[in-house]
Amino acid sequence: MYLIYHSNTRIARDIASKIHKQFENLKIPFLQSDEINNDSDIIISIGDDHHFLNTFQSANDKPVFCIGIGGTVLSDVNPHNYTKYLDYIIDGKYFIQKKSRIKIGSNEALNDILIFPPKSGSILQFTVRINGSEIYTDSSDGVILSTPTGSTAYNLSAGGSAIIGDPPVFSLVSANSIKKQKPLIVDDKSIISIRIHDHAVAIIDGLQRIPLESEAVIQKSEPIQLIRCKHDFDVYTQINKVEDSILRIKTHGLSPAQKFIFKMLSKGPMTQKELIYITTLPARTVREALITLENKQIIDKTPYAQDIRQSVYKIV
């Protein structure tokens, strides 16, 4: 029995309607519902990564086939190629890829669990223990605990490592650590305790917020089951595709020179002089491109520490 579970977008509804008709014609038993129930064997989830995370929260041990709308990291199946992969699944030509999760209490996360102060701009004071042994005490913006799947998200931007493949480990990062604590890679059989010196909140995959008063205990949970139809799926290639999609959206309507400046700034912050030198564009062209990008809030500028007459430009 299949369950068709889609987000509330026009494209997702259209795909769900087409699958509905295909299953009816083939006399394949299915359900179409706004909620995930236990009557299905395979869940077909249609939406973006946020919708997929919601699906996994309720899927329990059900295998999930994800059809991505827009740029998605968890699936390379999209509105243009889903029919081919759906035929594979109907014919049984697929395999199950298990993705590890972590949990705090009964709340499970596929990507990450963030432990942060309840008020933004505050500092979290905490002690990290692993399997009962104290590792360090620190003050920082918060703690990020991520799975290999989530390691390329907030974890990576906060200085953690991208975990290649799906090894049995977790990542622990103290975000903007005052004591300059280094990121940790922890065996996924470990029990991680974050003892909080004040109040905090735990944010589960960006979907749930749980108040914490004294201690958060994070440990391995049951994995999700993701349906794949080919063995060469690479999440890092998929991330690059998503970033390229975002790049196209951000640069839509810009002139070639403005796109070129944007591309150079995607490599890192630069001054106007550096951009003129690297691009070999006329100074006026670079200056006007920077003004346009700044007016569109695509980039911003900060004073250059080594020369206050110059500014450093970077992508927002």
Protein backbone atom coordinates (compact mmCIF):
# COMPACT_ATOMS: atom_id res chain seq x y z
CA MET A 1 0.00 0.00 0.00
CA TYR A 2 1.36 3.41 -1.02
CA LEU A 3 0.65 6.67 0.79
CA ILE A 4 0.84 9.87 -1.27
CA TYR A 5 1.75 12.72 1.07
CA HIS A 6 2.36 16.12 -0.52
CA SER A 7 2.97 19.72 0.47
CA ASN A 8 0.35 22.37 -0.24
CA THR A 9 1.89 23.80 -3.40
CA ARG A 10 0.41 23.73 -6.89
CA ILE A 11 3.26 21.66 -8.36
CA ALA A 12 3.12 19.13 -5.51
CA ARG A 13 -0.67 18.82 -5.86
CA ASP A 14 -0.37 18.34 -9.63
CA ILE A 15 2.22 15.57 -9.24
CA ALA A 16 0.13 13.87 -6.55
CA SER A 17 -2.92 13.99 -8.86
CA LYS A 18 -0.95 12.39 -11.73
CA ILE A 19 0.37 9.62 -9.47
CA HIS A 20 -3.18 9.12 -8.17
CA LYS A 21 -4.44 8.54 -11.75
CA GLN A 22 -1.49 6.27 -12.62
CA PHE A 23 -2.11 4.06 -9.58
CA GLU A 24 -5.82 3.89 -10.35
CA ASN A 25 -5.12 2.82 -13.95
CA LEU A 26 -2.64 0.18 -12.79
CA LYS A 27 -4.98 -0.90 -9.97
CA ILE A 28 -2.23 -0.29 -7.40
CA PRO A 29 -3.62 0.17 -3.86
CA PHE A 30 -2.86 3.59 -2.41
CA LEU A 31 -3.99 6.25 0.02
CA GLN A 32 -3.85 10.02 -0.37
CA SER A 33 -3.92 11.83 2.93
CA ASP A 34 -2.94 15.02 4.73
CA GLU A 35 -1.60 12.87 7.56
CA ILE A 36 0.82 9.95 7.74
CA ASN A 37 -0.75 6.78 9.12
CA ASN A 38 0.33 3.20 9.73
CA ASP A 39 -1.72 1.64 6.92
CA SER A 40 0.91 2.18 4.21
CA ASP A 41 4.04 0.24 3.24
CA ILE A 42 5.75 3.00 1.23
CA ILE A 43 5.33 6.77 1.61
CA ILE A 44 5.67 9.00 -1.45
CA SER A 45 6.55 12.44 -0.11
CA ILE A 46 6.28 15.39 -2.53
CA GLY A 47 7.66 18.76 -1.50
CA ASP A 48 10.81 20.55 -0.34
CA ASP A 49 13.36 19.53 2.30
CA HIS A 50 11.20 21.07 5.04
CA HIS A 51 8.29 18.87 3.95
CA PHE A 52 10.58 15.80 3.88
CA LEU A 53 11.72 16.48 7.45
CA ASN A 54 8.07 16.67 8.52
CA THR A 55 7.48 13.36 6.74
CA PHE A 56 10.34 11.62 8.55
CA GLN A 57 9.06 12.89 11.90
CA SER A 58 5.95 10.73 11.46
CA ALA A 59 7.12 7.95 9.12
CA ASN A 60 8.50 5.71 11.89
CA ASP A 61 10.03 2.72 10.09
CA LYS A 62 8.24 3.28 6.76
CA PRO A 63 10.47 3.70 3.68
CA VAL A 64 10.04 7.11 2.03
CA PHE A 65 10.39 8.05 -1.65
CA CYS A 66 11.06 11.79 -1.95
CA ILE A 67 10.10 13.87 -4.99
CA GLY A 68 11.72 17.28 -4.62
CA ILE A 69 10.05 20.56 -5.51
CA GLY A 70 12.64 23.28 -6.05
CA GLY A 71 16.20 22.73 -4.86
CA THR A 72 16.33 19.85 -2.38
CA VAL A 73 19.33 18.21 -0.74
CA LEU A 74 17.66 14.93 0.24
CA SER A 75 16.53 13.93 -3.25
CA ASP A 76 17.64 14.29 -6.86
CA VAL A 77 14.18 13.21 -8.05
CA ASN A 78 12.22 16.20 -9.34
CA PRO A 79 9.07 17.08 -11.34
CA HIS A 80 10.95 16.45 -14.59
CA ASN A 81 12.22 12.92 -13.92
CA TYR A 82 9.99 11.45 -11.19
CA THR A 83 7.99 9.24 -13.58
CA LYS A 84 11.06 7.19 -14.46
CA TYR A 85 11.94 6.58 -10.82
CA LEU A 86 8.34 5.87 -9.86
CA ASP A 87 8.29 3.12 -12.52
CA TYR A 88 11.44 1.67 -10.94
CA ILE A 89 9.72 1.57 -7.55
CA ILE A 90 6.57 -0.04 -8.93
CA ASP A 91 8.80 -2.70 -10.52
CA GLY A 92 10.70 -3.21 -7.26
CA LYS A 93 13.96 -1.83 -8.72
CA TYR A 94 15.08 0.19 -5.71
CA PHE A 95 17.11 -0.11 -2.54
CA ILE A 96 16.81 1.29 0.96
CA GLN A 97 19.36 3.77 2.23
CA LYS A 98 19.34 4.19 6.01
CA LYS A 99 20.14 7.62 7.42
CA SER A 100 21.11 7.98 11.07
CA ARG A 101 19.19 10.23 13.46
CA ILE A 102 19.74 11.68 16.90
CA LYS A 103 17.19 12.32 19.61
CA ILE A 104 16.58 14.30 22.76
CA GLY A 105 13.92 12.52 24.79
CA SER A 106 11.39 11.25 22.26
CA ASN A 107 12.13 14.03 19.77
CA GLU A 108 14.13 12.82 16.77
CA ALA A 109 16.23 14.79 14.29
CA LEU A 110 17.56 13.78 10.90
CA ASN A 111 19.78 16.86 10.54
CA ASP A 112 20.58 18.49 13.84
CA ILE A 113 19.61 19.47 17.35
CA LEU A 114 20.51 23.02 18.36
CA ILE A 115 20.74 24.06 21.99
CA PHE A 116 20.59 27.83 22.26
CA PRO A 117 19.59 30.50 24.80
CA PRO A 118 15.86 31.31 24.74
CA LYS A 119 16.62 34.95 23.86
CA SER A 120 18.63 35.76 20.73
CA GLY A 121 21.85 37.63 21.36
CA SER A 122 22.39 35.89 24.71
CA ILE A 123 25.29 33.65 25.68
CA LEU A 124 24.79 30.00 26.65
CA GLN A 125 26.93 28.66 29.50
CA PHE A 126 27.20 24.89 29.55
CA THR A 127 29.26 21.79 30.27
CA VAL A 128 29.71 18.95 27.79
CA ARG A 129 29.87 15.36 29.07
CA ILE A 130 30.29 12.31 26.87
CA ASN A 131 29.51 8.91 28.40
CA GLY A 132 29.72 10.48 31.85
CA SER A 133 33.14 12.09 31.39
CA GLU A 134 33.42 15.88 31.42
CA ILE A 135 34.93 17.17 28.18
CA TYR A 136 34.81 20.94 28.65
CA THR A 137 32.87 23.90 30.02
CA ASP A 138 32.23 26.78 27.67
CA SER A 139 30.26 29.91 26.88
CA SER A 140 29.07 30.44 23.32
CA ASP A 141 26.11 31.24 21.09
CA GLY A 142 24.96 27.64 21.53
CA VAL A 143 25.67 23.99 20.78
CA ILE A 144 25.08 22.25 17.45
CA LEU A 145 24.79 18.46 17.40
CA SER A 146 24.43 17.05 13.92
CA THR A 147 24.24 13.79 12.03
CA PRO A 148 26.30 13.16 8.87
CA THR A 149 23.24 14.24 6.86
CA GLY A 150 23.01 17.53 8.76
CA SER A 151 26.75 18.15 8.87
CA THR A 152 26.68 20.22 5.68
CA ALA A 153 24.13 22.68 7.08
CA TYR A 154 24.46 24.87 10.20
CA ASN A 155 27.25 22.63 11.51
CA LEU A 156 29.49 23.42 8.54
CA SER A 157 28.82 27.16 8.58
CA ALA A 158 29.68 27.23 12.32
CA GLY A 159 33.12 25.66 11.74
CA GLY A 160 32.27 21.97 11.98
CA SER A 161 33.40 19.33 9.51
CA ALA A 162 31.40 18.01 6.57
CA ILE A 163 31.06 14.29 7.29
CA ILE A 164 31.50 12.39 4.03
CA GLY A 165 29.27 9.37 3.49
CA ASP A 166 27.26 8.10 6.44
CA PRO A 167 29.76 6.88 9.07
CA PRO A 168 28.51 6.05 12.60
CA VAL A 169 29.44 9.43 14.14
CA PHE A 170 27.93 12.72 15.27
CA SER A 171 29.38 16.21 15.18
CA LEU A 172 29.36 18.58 18.15
CA VAL A 173 30.17 22.27 17.67
CA SER A 174 30.22 25.12 20.17
CA ALA A 175 29.10 28.01 17.97
CA ASN A 176 31.34 31.09 18.33
CA SER A 177 33.01 29.58 21.38
CA ILE A 178 34.46 32.15 23.77
CA LYS A 179 37.10 29.62 24.86
CA LYS A 180 37.81 28.66 21.23
CA GLN A 181 36.71 25.06 21.77
CA LYS A 182 37.29 22.88 18.71
CA PRO A 183 34.50 20.84 17.02
CA LEU A 184 34.21 17.22 18.14
CA ILE A 185 33.45 14.08 16.13
CA VAL A 186 31.79 11.57 18.45
CA ASP A 187 31.02 7.86 18.08
CA ASP A 188 27.25 7.54 17.56
CA LYS A 189 27.00 4.99 20.38
CA SER A 190 27.94 7.76 22.82
CA ILE A 191 25.53 9.49 25.17
CA ILE A 192 26.10 13.24 25.05
CA SER A 193 25.04 15.37 27.98
CA ILE A 194 24.85 19.17 27.79
CA ARG A 195 24.48 20.56 31.32
CA ILE A 196 23.02 24.03 31.09
CA HIS A 197 23.88 26.68 33.66
CA ASP A 198 20.69 28.59 32.85
CA HIS A 199 17.58 28.16 30.72
CA ALA A 200 17.85 27.10 27.06
CA VAL A 201 15.81 25.72 24.19
CA ALA A 202 16.41 22.71 21.99
CA ILE A 203 15.52 23.18 18.31
CA ILE A 204 14.82 19.89 16.50
CA ASP A 205 15.54 20.03 12.77
CA GLY A 206 14.24 23.59 12.78
CA LEU A 207 10.72 22.24 13.34
CA GLN A 208 10.24 21.99 17.11
CA ARG A 209 11.36 24.09 20.06
CA ILE A 210 11.63 22.42 23.47
CA PRO A 211 12.40 24.37 26.66
CA LEU A 212 15.34 23.09 28.72
CA GLU A 213 16.16 23.90 32.33
CA SER A 214 19.13 21.84 33.47
CA GLU A 215 20.36 19.14 31.12
CA ALA A 216 19.94 17.89 27.57
CA VAL A 217 20.78 14.25 26.81
CA ILE A 218 21.35 13.47 23.13
CA GLN A 219 21.86 9.99 21.74
CA LYS A 220 21.41 7.85 18.67
CA SER A 221 17.88 7.14 17.44
CA GLU A 222 16.41 4.72 14.91
CA PRO A 223 17.42 5.59 11.32
CA ILE A 224 15.06 6.70 8.60
CA GLN A 225 14.63 4.57 5.49
CA LEU A 226 15.08 6.48 2.25
CA ILE A 227 14.19 4.86 -1.08
CA ARG A 228 16.89 5.21 -3.74
CA CYS A 229 16.77 4.03 -7.34
CA LYS A 230 20.45 4.42 -8.16
CA HIS A 231 23.65 3.95 -6.20
CA ASP A 232 25.46 7.02 -7.51
CA PHE A 233 23.41 9.59 -5.60
CA ASP A 234 25.82 12.03 -3.98
CA VAL A 235 24.47 14.48 -1.41
CA TYR A 236 27.41 16.83 -1.94
CA THR A 237 26.75 17.02 -5.68
CA GLN A 238 23.11 17.66 -4.81
CA ILE A 239 24.10 20.49 -2.43
CA ASN A 240 26.09 22.07 -5.26
CA LYS A 241 23.01 21.80 -7.50
CA VAL A 242 20.89 23.54 -4.85
CA GLU A 243 23.50 26.29 -4.47
CA ASP A 244 23.58 26.73 -8.27
CA SER A 245 19.78 27.04 -8.24
CA ILE A 246 19.95 29.71 -5.53
CA LEU A 247 22.68 31.46 -7.51
CA ARG A 248 20.45 31.57 -10.61
CA ILE A 249 17.58 33.01 -8.56
CA LYS A 250 19.77 35.68 -6.97
CA THR A 251 21.35 36.75 -10.27
CA HIS A 252 18.17 36.70 -12.35
CA GLY A 253 17.82 39.97 -14.27
CA LEU A 254 21.38 41.14 -13.66
CA SER A 255 23.71 42.25 -16.42
CA PRO A 256 26.66 40.01 -17.41
CA ALA A 257 29.08 42.31 -15.57
CA GLN A 258 26.96 42.24 -12.41
CA LYS A 259 26.76 38.43 -12.57
CA PHE A 260 30.52 38.28 -13.03
CA ILE A 261 31.12 40.46 -9.95
CA PHE A 262 28.67 38.33 -7.96
CA LYS A 263 30.51 35.16 -9.04
CA MET A 264 33.85 36.62 -7.93
CA LEU A 265 32.41 37.61 -4.54
CA SER A 266 31.06 34.07 -4.10
CA LYS A 267 34.72 33.04 -3.72
CA GLY A 268 35.09 35.39 -0.72
CA PRO A 269 34.94 39.06 0.37
CA MET A 270 36.93 41.54 -1.77
CA THR A 271 37.55 45.26 -2.07
CA GLN A 272 36.65 47.22 -5.19
CA LYS A 273 40.35 47.44 -6.15
CA GLU A 274 40.73 43.67 -5.85
CA LEU A 275 37.66 43.12 -8.04
CA ILE A 276 38.99 45.49 -10.70
CA TYR A 277 42.33 43.67 -10.70
CA ILE A 278 40.85 40.15 -10.80
CA THR A 279 38.08 40.78 -13.33
CA THR A 280 40.04 43.27 -15.51
CA LEU A 281 36.76 45.16 -15.92
CA PRO A 282 36.80 48.97 -16.11
CA ALA A 283 36.66 50.67 -12.73
CA ARG A 284 33.38 52.39 -13.58
CA THR A 285 31.76 49.06 -14.56
CA VAL A 286 32.82 47.42 -11.28
CA ARG A 287 31.69 50.43 -9.25
CA GLU A 288 28.24 50.54 -10.90
CA ALA A 289 27.83 46.76 -10.56
CA LEU A 290 28.61 46.97 -6.82
CA ILE A 291 26.08 49.78 -6.37
CA THR A 292 23.37 47.75 -8.14
CA LEU A 293 24.12 44.56 -6.16
CA GLU A 294 24.07 46.53 -2.91
CA ASN A 295 20.77 48.27 -3.79
CA LYS A 296 19.24 44.86 -4.49
CA GLN A 297 20.51 43.69 -1.06
CA ILE A 298 22.50 40.90 -2.71
CA ILE A 299 25.76 42.14 -1.18
CA ASP A 300 26.76 44.43 1.65
CA LYS A 301 29.94 46.25 2.59
CA THR A 302 32.00 46.83 5.71
CA PRO A 303 35.00 49.12 6.31
CA TYR A 304 38.38 47.67 5.28
CA ALA A 305 40.48 47.41 8.44
CA GLN A 306 43.78 48.04 6.62
CA ASP A 307 42.54 51.12 4.75
CA ILE A 308 39.47 52.98 6.00
CA ARG A 309 39.09 54.65 2.59
CA GLN A 310 38.06 51.29 1.13
CA SER A 311 35.21 48.90 1.77
CA VAL A 312 35.07 45.11 1.72
CA TYR A 313 32.14 43.65 -0.23
CA LYS A 314 30.58 40.28 0.49
CA ILE A 315 27.48 38.31 -0.45
CA VAL A 316 24.60 38.59 2.03
